Amino acid sequence: MQVAIYARVSSEDQQERGTIENQVEFARKYCDLHQYEITQWYKDDGVTGTIPLEDRDAGNRVLEGAKLKRYEILLIYKLDRLGRSARIILNSVYELEQCGVKIKSMTEPFDTGDPNGRFLLTILAGVADLERETILERLWYGANRAARNGKWLGGIVPYGYKLNDDKELEINYDQLPCLNMSEADVIKLIYRLIAEEGQSTIKVAEYLNALGIPPSYTKDGRTVTKNRRKVKTAGIWYPGRIRNMVVNTTYKGIHQYGKRTNKVRELITRQVPAIVSKDTWAKAQQVLKDNQIEAVRNSRRNYLLRGLIKCGICGLTYHGTAYKGPGGRLKGYYECGGKTIYRGPLKVKCTSKNIPQAWIEDIVWQRCVDFIHNPKEALREFTSGIDQRKSEKEAVAVEKEIVARAIQDKEDEKQSILDLYRKKIISSTDVEQQLSKISHEKEALEQQIRRLNREIENENNLESEYSNIEKLLKSFRKKINNSSNFRLHREIVKTLVKEVIVDTKTNEFGRLRADVIVKYVFSQDVTRNDRGSLKL
């Protein structure tokens, strides 16, 4: 009988220890004992059994050899060498049997050459699948438990951090080579340049490269895979890398474990040492958003209300565009982003109406100019609500105390769960589920606390707003009298306009009508429709 041997190990670690040679040596002795002639050897070193046989290098050659009738029996050390799931094992066996090849295990009592053997094969495949899923489940629970306890479970440590002896993240204050800065100092510098100075990620990258600060891959001497070869990186900072770091919540002290996996699994939110404050992190996010809106590299026209107009139907943002009018001349419009592609909550193209650029910009700008020159009435409306808002502030403070007590109750619940586990009243699985539930509830309460703190802070600054508004308007009046620059107009509009909402409706004749609601910071909302009438 002509036989082929298929051997596989699933990791580079196993490959280095030479475990595949154990399979090879066992196969030689087995064939000598049974007087089999070995015609082909197929070895998959460091290849996972979770991918189909035809997608493996040696596995593909196994199928090609079967089709060419190079052997009659395929010997394997154990059934799980063919695959680590029942579906992959049975598909592999089916493909080989279609070519007239029998599969035989050298350590398990089955042979696909008879019905009993094929029945036992199905059972063993299911057992292999069950064993793998059980191991994965145990590893999953263990990993989640370690993650909740603050352990770093692999992957690249974020720039600015290092692992201590307990495998937990701590801020890295070690000095960088040839620089009087640490990684943590670099992170603080990046956030200061963006959050406080409003610089773009391009300018920050250029600045870091000019200072000669080594990025993460260069500092650690790591390489990247390119065409299956490990090569060195360019060793420079890129704007995209800067942005990814700025939006990373780890730097404000919140890390999410399990976020990078493609599998459906629970996200574990845990506290880590923060390098920057939450306020600084939030400011940086707003600057990134503003910079994106203000980017006009590819824009041929200036749109005064860019990023400020929202659709009343789908909630997406209007963007500037232009269409040909009479005589072929381009006319500017604001158009809902949901009209060009299928996105947003509607899952279909939005039916909102386009708004003429000149019309809406003239309405908004003239209203802003009127307020700048004659602010008295609007300011009276502003100050008249101070007493009411003070009473609201007291209600917010009471709500904050209630939420704070609820957070403390969650800590007490956590301790109660641990006490039950120590007394062996509940299992570790119950502990895992209950702690996960408590963690989610606590995070929701902490978010509420942060929101309430922002409201209280806003109210604390209320009295100073009046004088600040007067100073701001005085500055605007001076600028308007001396300049008609678009950037100045844009600055004023962004300061005085909250948002513009376009609410598209159908009239009795089946034609679309747009009601435009302009929300100013200094007065009640103003509504106009595209027929020119004014409604307050």
Protein backbone atom coordinates (compact mmCIF):
# COMPACT_ATOMS: atom_id res chain seq x y z
CA MET A 1 0.00 0.00 0.00
CA GLN A 2 1.31 3.46 -0.97
CA VAL A 3 0.76 5.99 1.78
CA ALA A 4 1.38 9.69 2.36
CA ILE A 5 2.09 11.32 5.71
CA TYR A 6 0.55 14.63 6.74
CA ALA A 7 1.99 16.36 9.83
CA ARG A 8 1.06 19.74 11.25
CA VAL A 9 1.87 21.98 14.22
CA SER A 10 -0.09 25.09 14.93
CA SER A 11 2.37 27.67 16.25
CA GLU A 12 5.92 28.93 15.77
CA ASP A 13 6.60 28.01 19.39
CA GLN A 14 5.75 24.36 18.69
CA GLN A 15 7.78 24.56 15.51
CA GLU A 16 10.88 25.72 17.42
CA ARG A 17 10.54 22.89 19.94
CA GLY A 18 10.52 20.39 17.07
CA THR A 19 7.20 18.70 17.87
CA ILE A 20 6.54 18.08 14.17
CA GLU A 21 9.60 15.82 14.13
CA ASN A 22 7.94 13.71 16.81
CA GLN A 23 5.07 13.12 14.39
CA VAL A 24 7.52 12.28 11.59
CA GLU A 25 9.47 9.79 13.74
CA PHE A 26 6.24 8.13 14.93
CA ALA A 27 5.05 7.82 11.31
CA ARG A 28 8.27 6.10 10.20
CA LYS A 29 8.02 3.50 12.97
CA TYR A 30 4.30 3.00 12.30
CA CYS A 31 4.87 2.38 8.58
CA ASP A 32 7.80 0.01 9.27
CA LEU A 33 5.55 -1.98 11.59
CA HIS A 34 2.68 -2.21 9.10
CA GLN A 35 4.97 -2.49 6.03
CA TYR A 36 3.61 0.65 4.33
CA GLU A 37 5.57 2.33 1.53
CA ILE A 38 5.81 6.09 2.19
CA THR A 39 5.59 7.91 -1.13
CA GLN A 40 4.91 11.51 0.02
CA TRP A 41 5.64 13.69 3.05
CA TYR A 42 3.53 16.77 3.72
CA LYS A 43 4.46 19.12 6.60
CA ASP A 44 2.70 22.30 7.72
CA ASP A 45 4.96 24.01 10.27
CA GLY A 46 3.35 26.71 12.39
CA VAL A 47 0.00 26.58 10.57
CA THR A 48 -3.29 26.84 12.45
CA GLY A 49 -5.87 24.11 12.05
CA THR A 50 -8.71 26.61 11.91
CA ILE A 51 -8.17 27.36 8.21
CA PRO A 52 -9.33 24.94 5.45
CA LEU A 53 -6.93 22.28 4.22
CA GLU A 54 -6.73 23.78 0.73
CA ASP A 55 -5.58 27.14 2.16
CA ARG A 56 -2.47 25.63 3.75
CA ASP A 57 0.75 25.19 1.75
CA ALA A 58 1.26 21.50 2.47
CA GLY A 59 -2.49 20.89 2.79
CA ASN A 60 -3.03 22.11 -0.76
CA ARG A 61 -0.31 19.72 -1.98
CA VAL A 62 -2.09 16.90 -0.13
CA LEU A 63 -5.20 17.50 -2.25
CA GLU A 64 -3.18 17.85 -5.45
CA GLY A 65 -1.39 14.56 -4.73
CA ALA A 66 -4.71 12.82 -4.09
CA LYS A 67 -6.07 14.02 -7.43
CA LEU A 68 -2.93 12.71 -9.20
CA LYS A 69 -3.28 9.27 -7.48
CA ARG A 70 0.16 9.53 -5.87
CA TYR A 71 -0.98 7.63 -2.78
CA GLU A 72 -3.86 5.47 -1.59
CA ILE A 73 -3.89 6.20 2.16
CA LEU A 74 -3.23 9.43 4.03
CA LEU A 75 -1.80 8.82 7.50
CA ILE A 76 -2.17 11.43 10.23
CA TYR A 77 -0.85 11.36 13.78
CA LYS A 78 -4.22 12.42 15.19
CA LEU A 79 -7.50 13.60 13.71
CA ASP A 80 -7.03 17.19 14.94
CA ARG A 81 -3.97 17.47 12.63
CA LEU A 82 -6.47 17.73 9.75
CA GLY A 83 -8.32 20.56 11.45
CA ARG A 84 -9.54 22.03 14.71
CA SER A 85 -13.23 22.21 13.86
CA ALA A 86 -15.68 19.50 12.82
CA ARG A 87 -16.59 21.31 9.61
CA ILE A 88 -12.98 21.59 8.40
CA ILE A 89 -12.19 17.96 9.31
CA LEU A 90 -15.24 16.51 7.57
CA ASN A 91 -14.79 18.73 4.49
CA SER A 92 -11.15 17.60 4.22
CA VAL A 93 -12.12 13.94 4.54
CA TYR A 94 -14.84 14.35 1.92
CA GLU A 95 -12.47 16.00 -0.60
CA LEU A 96 -9.89 13.23 -0.17
CA GLU A 97 -12.44 10.41 -0.40
CA GLN A 98 -13.74 11.87 -3.67
CA CYS A 99 -10.24 11.20 -5.02
CA GLY A 100 -10.30 7.60 -3.75
CA VAL A 101 -8.01 8.24 -0.79
CA LYS A 102 -8.62 6.70 2.65
CA ILE A 103 -7.73 8.59 5.84
CA LYS A 104 -6.29 6.74 8.79
CA SER A 105 -5.16 7.94 12.21
CA MET A 106 -2.02 6.36 13.67
CA THR A 107 -3.20 6.89 17.27
CA GLU A 108 -7.01 6.63 17.03
CA PRO A 109 -9.14 3.56 16.20
CA PHE A 110 -10.85 4.66 13.01
CA ASP A 111 -10.38 4.01 9.31
CA THR A 112 -12.54 5.67 6.65
CA GLY A 113 -12.34 2.49 4.58
CA ASP A 114 -15.43 1.04 6.33
CA PRO A 115 -18.81 2.42 7.55
CA ASN A 116 -17.96 1.98 11.25
CA GLY A 117 -14.76 3.94 10.75
CA ARG A 118 -16.59 6.82 9.03
CA PHE A 119 -19.15 6.91 11.85
CA LEU A 120 -16.37 7.02 14.47
CA LEU A 121 -14.65 9.73 12.44
CA THR A 122 -17.74 11.95 12.74
CA ILE A 123 -17.83 11.45 16.51
CA LEU A 124 -14.10 12.19 16.92
CA ALA A 125 -14.43 15.32 14.76
CA GLY A 126 -17.20 16.57 17.03
CA VAL A 127 -15.10 15.76 20.10
CA ALA A 128 -12.14 17.70 18.65
CA ASP A 129 -14.43 20.67 17.97
CA LEU A 130 -15.90 20.48 21.51
CA GLU A 131 -12.43 20.28 23.05
CA ARG A 132 -11.26 23.35 21.16
CA GLU A 133 -14.35 25.41 22.02
CA THR A 134 -14.10 24.41 25.70
CA ILE A 135 -10.45 25.44 25.85
CA LEU A 136 -11.23 28.75 24.13
CA GLU A 137 -14.10 29.44 26.53
CA ARG A 138 -11.90 28.83 29.56
CA LEU A 139 -9.16 31.00 28.11
CA TRP A 140 -11.74 33.70 27.36
CA TYR A 141 -13.07 33.79 30.92
CA GLY A 142 -9.53 33.77 32.30
CA ALA A 143 -8.46 36.58 29.95
CA ASN A 144 -11.51 38.69 30.84
CA ARG A 145 -10.87 38.22 34.54
CA ALA A 146 -7.22 39.22 34.15
CA ALA A 147 -8.22 42.21 31.99
CA ARG A 148 -10.64 43.48 34.64
CA ASN A 149 -7.84 43.22 37.18
CA GLY A 150 -5.77 45.57 35.01
CA LYS A 151 -3.43 43.03 33.39
CA TRP A 152 -2.02 43.78 29.92
CA LEU A 153 -2.72 40.66 27.86
CA GLY A 154 -0.45 41.18 24.89
CA GLY A 155 -0.22 43.51 21.95
CA ILE A 156 1.86 46.64 21.49
CA VAL A 157 1.98 48.82 24.59
CA PRO A 158 0.69 52.34 23.76
CA TYR A 159 3.33 55.02 23.30
CA GLY A 160 3.87 56.77 26.62
CA TYR A 161 3.35 53.65 28.73
CA LYS A 162 5.34 50.62 29.85
CA LEU A 163 4.54 47.41 31.72
CA ASN A 164 5.50 47.00 35.36
CA ASP A 165 6.42 43.72 37.04
CA ASP A 166 2.71 42.89 37.52
CA LYS A 167 2.07 43.25 33.76
CA GLU A 168 0.05 46.41 34.30
CA LEU A 169 0.28 49.69 32.40
CA GLU A 170 2.17 52.53 34.02
CA ILE A 171 3.26 55.89 32.64
CA ASN A 172 6.71 55.78 31.05
CA TYR A 173 8.86 58.62 32.38
CA ASP A 174 12.14 57.08 31.15
CA GLN A 175 14.23 59.55 29.15
CA LEU A 176 14.37 58.99 25.39
CA PRO A 177 17.84 58.57 23.83
CA CYS A 178 19.61 61.91 23.23
CA LEU A 179 16.52 63.87 24.36
CA ASN A 180 15.55 65.52 27.60
CA MET A 181 12.04 64.12 27.20
CA SER A 182 10.17 60.95 28.09
CA GLU A 183 7.46 59.21 26.10
CA ALA A 184 4.89 60.69 28.47
CA ASP A 185 6.29 64.17 27.75
CA VAL A 186 5.87 63.54 24.02
CA ILE A 187 2.21 62.60 24.51
CA LYS A 188 1.60 65.73 26.60
CA LEU A 189 3.33 67.82 23.91
CA ILE A 190 1.09 66.36 21.17
CA TYR A 191 -2.09 67.10 23.11
CA ARG A 192 -0.91 70.62 24.04
CA LEU A 193 -0.13 71.49 20.42
CA ILE A 194 -3.54 70.28 19.27
CA ALA A 195 -5.85 71.08 22.20
CA GLU A 196 -4.36 74.40 23.29
CA GLU A 197 -2.76 75.76 20.11
CA GLY A 198 -5.19 74.26 17.60
CA GLN A 199 -2.48 72.84 15.36
CA SER A 200 -3.24 70.21 12.72
CA THR A 201 -1.85 66.69 12.84
CA ILE A 202 0.29 67.56 9.81
CA LYS A 203 2.02 70.41 11.66
CA VAL A 204 2.45 68.27 14.79
CA ALA A 205 4.05 65.47 12.76
CA GLU A 206 6.41 67.93 11.09
CA TYR A 207 7.36 69.39 14.48
CA LEU A 208 8.08 65.99 16.06
CA ASN A 209 10.17 64.95 13.05
CA ALA A 210 12.09 68.24 13.23
CA LEU A 211 12.86 67.60 16.92
CA GLY A 212 14.16 64.14 16.04
CA ILE A 213 11.80 62.35 18.44
CA PRO A 214 11.78 58.62 17.60
CA PRO A 215 8.35 57.06 16.95
CA SER A 216 7.35 53.83 18.61
CA TYR A 217 8.63 51.34 16.00
CA THR A 218 12.01 53.05 15.71
CA LYS A 219 12.45 53.41 19.48
CA ASP A 220 11.71 49.71 20.09
CA GLY A 221 13.62 48.49 17.03
CA ARG A 222 10.52 46.78 15.64
CA THR A 223 9.92 45.87 12.00
CA VAL A 224 6.81 45.49 9.87
CA THR A 225 5.79 42.76 7.46
CA LYS A 226 6.08 43.68 3.78
CA ASN A 227 5.65 40.98 1.15
CA ARG A 228 6.18 38.38 3.91
CA ARG A 229 9.52 39.89 4.88
CA LYS A 230 10.31 41.89 7.98
CA VAL A 231 11.55 45.36 7.05
CA LYS A 232 12.38 48.47 9.04
CA THR A 233 9.95 51.36 9.14
CA ALA A 234 10.67 54.84 7.78
CA GLY A 235 11.26 56.06 11.33
CA ILE A 236 9.15 59.22 11.03
CA TRP A 237 5.87 60.50 12.45
CA TYR A 238 2.85 60.48 10.14
CA PRO A 239 -0.26 62.67 10.55
CA GLY A 240 -2.49 59.58 10.53
CA ARG A 241 -0.51 58.07 13.38
CA ILE A 242 -0.79 61.31 15.35
CA ARG A 243 -4.57 61.33 14.89
CA ASN A 244 -4.90 57.70 16.02
CA MET A 245 -3.00 58.54 19.20
CA VAL A 246 -5.06 61.67 19.91
CA VAL A 247 -8.41 59.80 19.68
CA ASN A 248 -7.13 56.94 21.84
CA THR A 249 -9.08 57.01 25.13
CA THR A 250 -6.20 55.27 26.93
CA TYR A 251 -4.42 58.61 27.31
CA LYS A 252 -7.30 60.03 29.38
CA GLY A 253 -7.27 56.93 31.58
CA ILE A 254 -9.85 54.66 29.91
CA HIS A 255 -8.75 51.51 28.08
CA GLN A 256 -11.11 49.16 26.25
CA TYR A 257 -9.96 45.56 26.14
CA GLY A 258 -11.25 43.48 23.22
CA LYS A 259 -11.84 46.41 20.88
CA ARG A 260 -9.44 45.26 18.17
CA THR A 261 -10.77 41.73 17.71
CA ASN A 262 -13.09 40.88 14.83
CA LYS A 263 -14.99 38.39 17.00
CA VAL A 264 -18.22 39.26 18.75
CA ARG A 265 -17.18 39.65 22.36
CA GLU A 266 -17.67 41.80 25.40
CA LEU A 267 -15.75 45.07 25.59
CA ILE A 268 -14.12 45.51 28.98
CA THR A 269 -13.62 49.12 30.02
CA ARG A 270 -10.98 49.59 32.70
CA GLN A 271 -9.14 52.44 34.36
CA VAL A 272 -5.46 53.00 33.57
CA PRO A 273 -3.10 55.83 34.58
CA ALA A 274 -4.01 58.97 32.60
CA ILE A 275 -1.32 61.04 30.86
CA VAL A 276 -3.65 63.94 30.00
CA SER A 277 -6.79 65.24 31.67
CA LYS A 278 -10.24 64.42 30.33
CA ASP A 279 -10.82 68.10 29.52
CA THR A 280 -7.63 68.28 27.46
CA TRP A 281 -8.58 65.06 25.66
CA ALA A 282 -12.05 66.43 24.87
CA LYS A 283 -10.59 69.73 23.59
CA ALA A 284 -8.27 67.80 21.29
CA GLN A 285 -11.22 65.88 19.81
CA GLN A 286 -13.06 69.13 19.11
CA VAL A 287 -9.99 70.62 17.43
CA LEU A 288 -9.67 67.54 15.19
CA LYS A 289 -13.33 67.89 14.24
CA ASP A 290 -12.99 71.62 13.57
CA ASN A 291 -9.86 71.11 11.51
CA GLN A 292 -11.65 68.53 9.40
CA ILE A 293 -14.56 70.87 8.78
CA GLU A 294 -12.24 73.79 7.99
CA ALA A 295 -10.07 71.80 5.57
CA VAL A 296 -10.58 73.50 2.20
CA ARG A 297 -7.74 71.97 0.17
CA ASN A 298 -10.10 70.44 -2.37
CA SER A 299 -12.86 73.06 -2.12
CA ARG A 300 -13.33 75.43 -5.04
CA ARG A 301 -15.86 77.62 -3.23
CA ASN A 302 -16.08 79.17 0.23
CA TYR A 303 -19.07 77.95 2.25
CA LEU A 304 -19.80 80.16 5.24
CA LEU A 305 -22.03 77.60 7.00
CA ARG A 306 -19.89 74.52 6.41
CA GLY A 307 -20.60 71.88 9.08
CA LEU A 308 -23.36 73.93 10.73
CA ILE A 309 -26.40 72.79 8.70
CA LYS A 310 -28.18 69.58 9.75
CA CYS A 311 -30.94 67.70 7.94
CA GLY A 312 -34.27 67.49 9.76
CA ILE A 313 -35.11 64.19 8.01
CA CYS A 314 -32.03 61.99 8.39
CA GLY A 315 -29.91 64.03 10.81
CA LEU A 316 -26.84 64.12 8.55
CA THR A 317 -24.81 67.24 7.80
CA TYR A 318 -25.33 69.40 4.73
CA HIS A 319 -22.26 70.02 2.57
CA GLY A 320 -21.51 72.63 -0.06
CA THR A 321 -21.92 71.83 -3.74
CA ALA A 322 -22.66 73.62 -7.02
CA TYR A 323 -24.93 72.95 -9.99
CA LYS A 324 -25.19 74.61 -13.38
CA GLY A 325 -27.89 77.23 -13.70
CA PRO A 326 -29.07 79.47 -16.55
CA GLY A 327 -26.32 80.08 -19.07
CA GLY A 328 -24.28 77.20 -17.73
CA ARG A 329 -23.04 79.20 -14.75
CA LEU A 330 -22.48 77.35 -11.49
CA LYS A 331 -24.73 78.20 -8.58
CA GLY A 332 -23.85 77.21 -5.01
CA TYR A 333 -26.13 75.06 -2.85
CA TYR A 334 -26.06 73.25 0.48
CA GLU A 335 -27.01 69.59 0.03
CA CYS A 336 -27.70 66.85 2.58
CA GLY A 337 -24.98 64.19 2.75
CA GLY A 338 -27.67 61.50 2.74
CA LYS A 339 -28.77 62.41 -0.81
CA THR A 340 -25.59 61.30 -2.55
CA ILE A 341 -25.10 57.83 -1.01
CA TYR A 342 -27.11 55.32 1.01
CA ARG A 343 -26.16 56.08 4.59
CA GLY A 344 -27.60 57.43 7.80
CA PRO A 345 -30.52 56.04 9.83
CA LEU A 346 -32.90 55.93 6.84
CA LYS A 347 -30.78 53.34 4.94
CA VAL A 348 -32.03 54.96 1.72
CA LYS A 349 -31.24 58.21 -0.08
CA CYS A 350 -32.56 61.26 1.75
CA THR A 351 -35.36 63.27 0.11
CA SER A 352 -34.43 66.62 1.68
CA LYS A 353 -34.38 69.80 -0.39
CA ASN A 354 -31.23 71.64 -1.40
CA ILE A 355 -30.78 75.16 0.02
CA PRO A 356 -29.39 78.01 -2.16
CA GLN A 357 -26.05 79.06 -0.74
CA ALA A 358 -26.40 82.82 -1.30
CA TRP A 359 -29.92 82.92 0.19
CA ILE A 360 -29.23 81.16 3.49
CA GLU A 361 -25.79 82.73 4.00
CA ASP A 362 -27.22 86.23 3.50
CA ILE A 363 -29.99 85.58 6.07
CA VAL A 364 -27.62 84.23 8.70
CA TRP A 365 -24.89 86.82 8.14
CA GLN A 366 -27.24 89.81 8.25
CA ARG A 367 -28.79 88.52 11.48
CA CYS A 368 -25.30 88.17 13.03
CA VAL A 369 -24.35 91.70 11.91
CA ASP A 370 -27.56 93.13 13.37
CA PHE A 371 -26.81 91.52 16.69
CA ILE A 372 -23.20 92.72 16.72
CA HIS A 373 -24.28 96.34 16.18
CA ASN A 374 -27.49 96.25 18.28
CA PRO A 375 -27.13 93.59 20.98
CA LYS A 376 -29.14 95.24 23.79
CA GLU A 377 -32.45 93.44 23.32
CA ALA A 378 -30.81 90.05 22.91
CA LEU A 379 -28.62 90.59 25.96
CA ARG A 380 -31.68 91.47 28.04
CA GLU A 381 -33.19 88.12 27.04
CA PHE A 382 -29.94 86.47 28.02
CA THR A 383 -29.75 87.99 31.51
CA SER A 384 -33.47 87.53 32.25
CA GLY A 385 -33.00 83.77 32.43
CA ILE A 386 -30.13 83.85 34.94
CA ASP A 387 -32.35 83.38 38.03
CA GLN A 388 -34.13 80.46 36.45
CA ARG A 389 -30.84 78.84 35.48
CA LYS A 390 -29.51 79.26 39.03
CA SER A 391 -32.43 77.20 40.34
CA GLU A 392 -31.70 74.62 37.65
CA LYS A 393 -28.09 74.54 38.87
CA GLU A 394 -29.30 73.61 42.39
CA ALA A 395 -31.37 70.76 40.92
CA VAL A 396 -28.31 69.53 39.01
CA ALA A 397 -26.25 69.55 42.23
CA VAL A 398 -28.89 67.42 43.99
CA GLU A 399 -28.93 64.99 41.05
CA LYS A 400 -25.13 64.76 41.21
CA GLU A 401 -25.29 63.72 44.89
CA ILE A 402 -27.81 60.99 44.04
CA VAL A 403 -25.65 59.63 41.22
CA ALA A 404 -22.53 59.73 43.43
CA ARG A 405 -24.32 57.63 46.07
CA ALA A 406 -25.40 55.18 43.35
CA ILE A 407 -21.75 54.79 42.27
CA GLN A 408 -20.75 54.02 45.85
CA ASP A 409 -23.57 51.44 46.03
CA LYS A 410 -22.06 49.72 42.98
CA GLU A 411 -18.76 49.38 44.82
CA ASP A 412 -20.60 47.82 47.75
CA GLU A 413 -22.35 45.40 45.35
CA LYS A 414 -18.98 44.39 43.91
CA GLN A 415 -17.65 43.62 47.39
CA SER A 416 -20.77 41.56 48.17
CA ILE A 417 -20.24 39.47 45.03
CA LEU A 418 -16.62 38.80 46.00
CA ASP A 419 -17.70 37.80 49.52
CA LEU A 420 -20.17 35.28 48.06
CA TYR A 421 -17.41 33.85 45.84
CA ARG A 422 -14.98 33.49 48.77
CA LYS A 423 -17.68 31.61 50.68
CA LYS A 424 -18.09 29.35 47.58
CA ILE A 425 -21.78 30.24 47.31
CA ILE A 426 -21.42 31.27 43.65
CA SER A 427 -19.07 30.12 40.86
CA SER A 428 -16.35 32.06 39.06
CA THR A 429 -18.64 32.28 36.00
CA ASP A 430 -21.32 33.98 38.12
CA VAL A 431 -18.69 36.38 39.44
CA GLU A 432 -17.58 37.18 35.89
CA GLN A 433 -21.13 37.94 34.75
CA GLN A 434 -22.10 40.01 37.79
CA LEU A 435 -18.88 42.06 37.82
CA SER A 436 -19.35 42.75 34.11
CA LYS A 437 -22.89 43.98 34.73
CA ILE A 438 -21.79 46.17 37.65
CA SER A 439 -18.91 47.59 35.58
CA HIS A 440 -21.26 48.65 32.76
CA GLU A 441 -23.73 50.22 35.19
CA LYS A 442 -20.94 52.07 36.98
CA GLU A 443 -19.53 53.41 33.70
CA ALA A 444 -22.98 54.74 32.74
CA LEU A 445 -23.26 56.50 36.12
CA GLU A 446 -19.76 57.97 35.79
CA GLN A 447 -20.67 59.35 32.37
CA GLN A 448 -23.70 60.96 33.99
CA ILE A 449 -21.46 62.50 36.68
CA ARG A 450 -19.19 63.95 34.01
CA ARG A 451 -22.19 65.43 32.21
CA LEU A 452 -23.51 66.98 35.42
CA ASN A 453 -20.07 68.41 36.22
CA ARG A 454 -20.01 70.08 32.82
CA GLU A 455 -23.44 71.59 33.44
CA ILE A 456 -22.37 72.92 36.86
CA GLU A 457 -19.19 74.36 35.38
CA ASN A 458 -21.19 76.08 32.65
CA GLU A 459 -23.49 77.62 35.22
CA ASN A 460 -20.54 78.76 37.35
CA ASN A 461 -19.28 80.70 34.36
CA LEU A 462 -22.69 82.23 33.66
CA GLU A 463 -22.14 85.55 35.39
CA SER A 464 -18.87 86.19 33.59
CA GLU A 465 -20.45 85.42 30.23
CA TYR A 466 -22.25 88.76 30.09
CA SER A 467 -19.07 90.84 30.26
CA ASN A 468 -17.27 88.41 27.94
CA ILE A 469 -20.02 88.76 25.34
CA GLU A 470 -19.75 92.56 25.46
CA LYS A 471 -15.98 92.35 24.94
CA LEU A 472 -16.42 89.86 22.11
CA LEU A 473 -19.02 92.02 20.32
CA LYS A 474 -16.80 95.08 20.65
CA SER A 475 -13.98 93.14 19.01
CA PHE A 476 -16.30 91.93 16.22
CA ARG A 477 -17.56 95.46 15.54
CA LYS A 478 -14.03 96.67 15.07
CA LYS A 479 -13.13 93.79 12.75
CA ILE A 480 -16.27 94.14 10.62
CA ASN A 481 -15.62 97.81 10.03
CA ASN A 482 -12.08 97.14 8.84
CA SER A 483 -12.39 93.88 6.87
CA SER A 484 -14.68 91.72 4.74
CA ASN A 485 -12.42 88.68 4.79
CA PHE A 486 -14.15 85.27 4.49
CA ARG A 487 -12.16 83.82 7.39
CA LEU A 488 -13.37 86.65 9.63
CA HIS A 489 -16.99 86.04 8.58
CA ARG A 490 -16.51 82.33 9.21
CA GLU A 491 -15.10 83.01 12.71
CA ILE A 492 -18.07 85.23 13.58
CA VAL A 493 -20.66 82.77 12.29
CA LYS A 494 -19.09 79.84 14.18
CA THR A 495 -19.19 81.92 17.36
CA LEU A 496 -22.76 83.20 17.09
CA VAL A 497 -24.60 80.33 15.34
CA LYS A 498 -25.33 77.05 17.15
CA GLU A 499 -26.70 75.16 14.15
CA VAL A 500 -29.05 75.41 11.19
CA ILE A 501 -31.74 72.73 10.69
CA VAL A 502 -33.40 72.17 7.33
CA ASP A 503 -36.84 70.58 7.77
CA THR A 504 -38.15 69.46 4.36
CA LYS A 505 -41.92 69.05 3.94
CA THR A 506 -44.35 68.41 1.08
CA ASN A 507 -47.05 71.02 0.42
CA GLU A 508 -50.61 70.41 -0.81
CA PHE A 509 -49.43 70.45 -4.45
CA GLY A 510 -46.84 67.73 -3.88
CA ARG A 511 -43.90 70.13 -4.06
CA LEU A 512 -41.07 70.14 -1.54
CA ARG A 513 -40.79 73.07 0.85
CA ALA A 514 -37.85 73.67 3.21
CA ASP A 515 -38.31 75.29 6.61
CA VAL A 516 -34.90 76.53 7.76
CA ILE A 517 -34.50 76.87 11.54
CA VAL A 518 -31.49 78.95 12.58
CA LYS A 519 -30.38 78.53 16.19
CA TYR A 520 -28.35 81.51 17.44
CA VAL A 521 -26.51 81.72 20.74
CA PHE A 522 -27.95 85.17 21.45
CA SER A 523 -31.69 84.84 20.76
CA GLN A 524 -34.63 82.54 20.18
CA ASP A 525 -34.65 80.32 17.11
CA VAL A 526 -35.58 81.91 13.79
CA THR A 527 -37.39 79.92 11.10
CA ARG A 528 -37.55 80.83 7.42
CA ASN A 529 -38.79 78.82 4.48
CA ASP A 530 -37.34 78.84 1.01
CA ARG A 531 -40.29 80.95 -0.23
CA GLY A 532 -38.97 83.89 1.76
CA SER A 533 -41.49 84.18 4.60
CA LEU A 534 -40.28 84.65 8.15
CA LYS A 535 -41.61 82.76 11.16
CA LEU A 536 -40.52 83.25 14.79
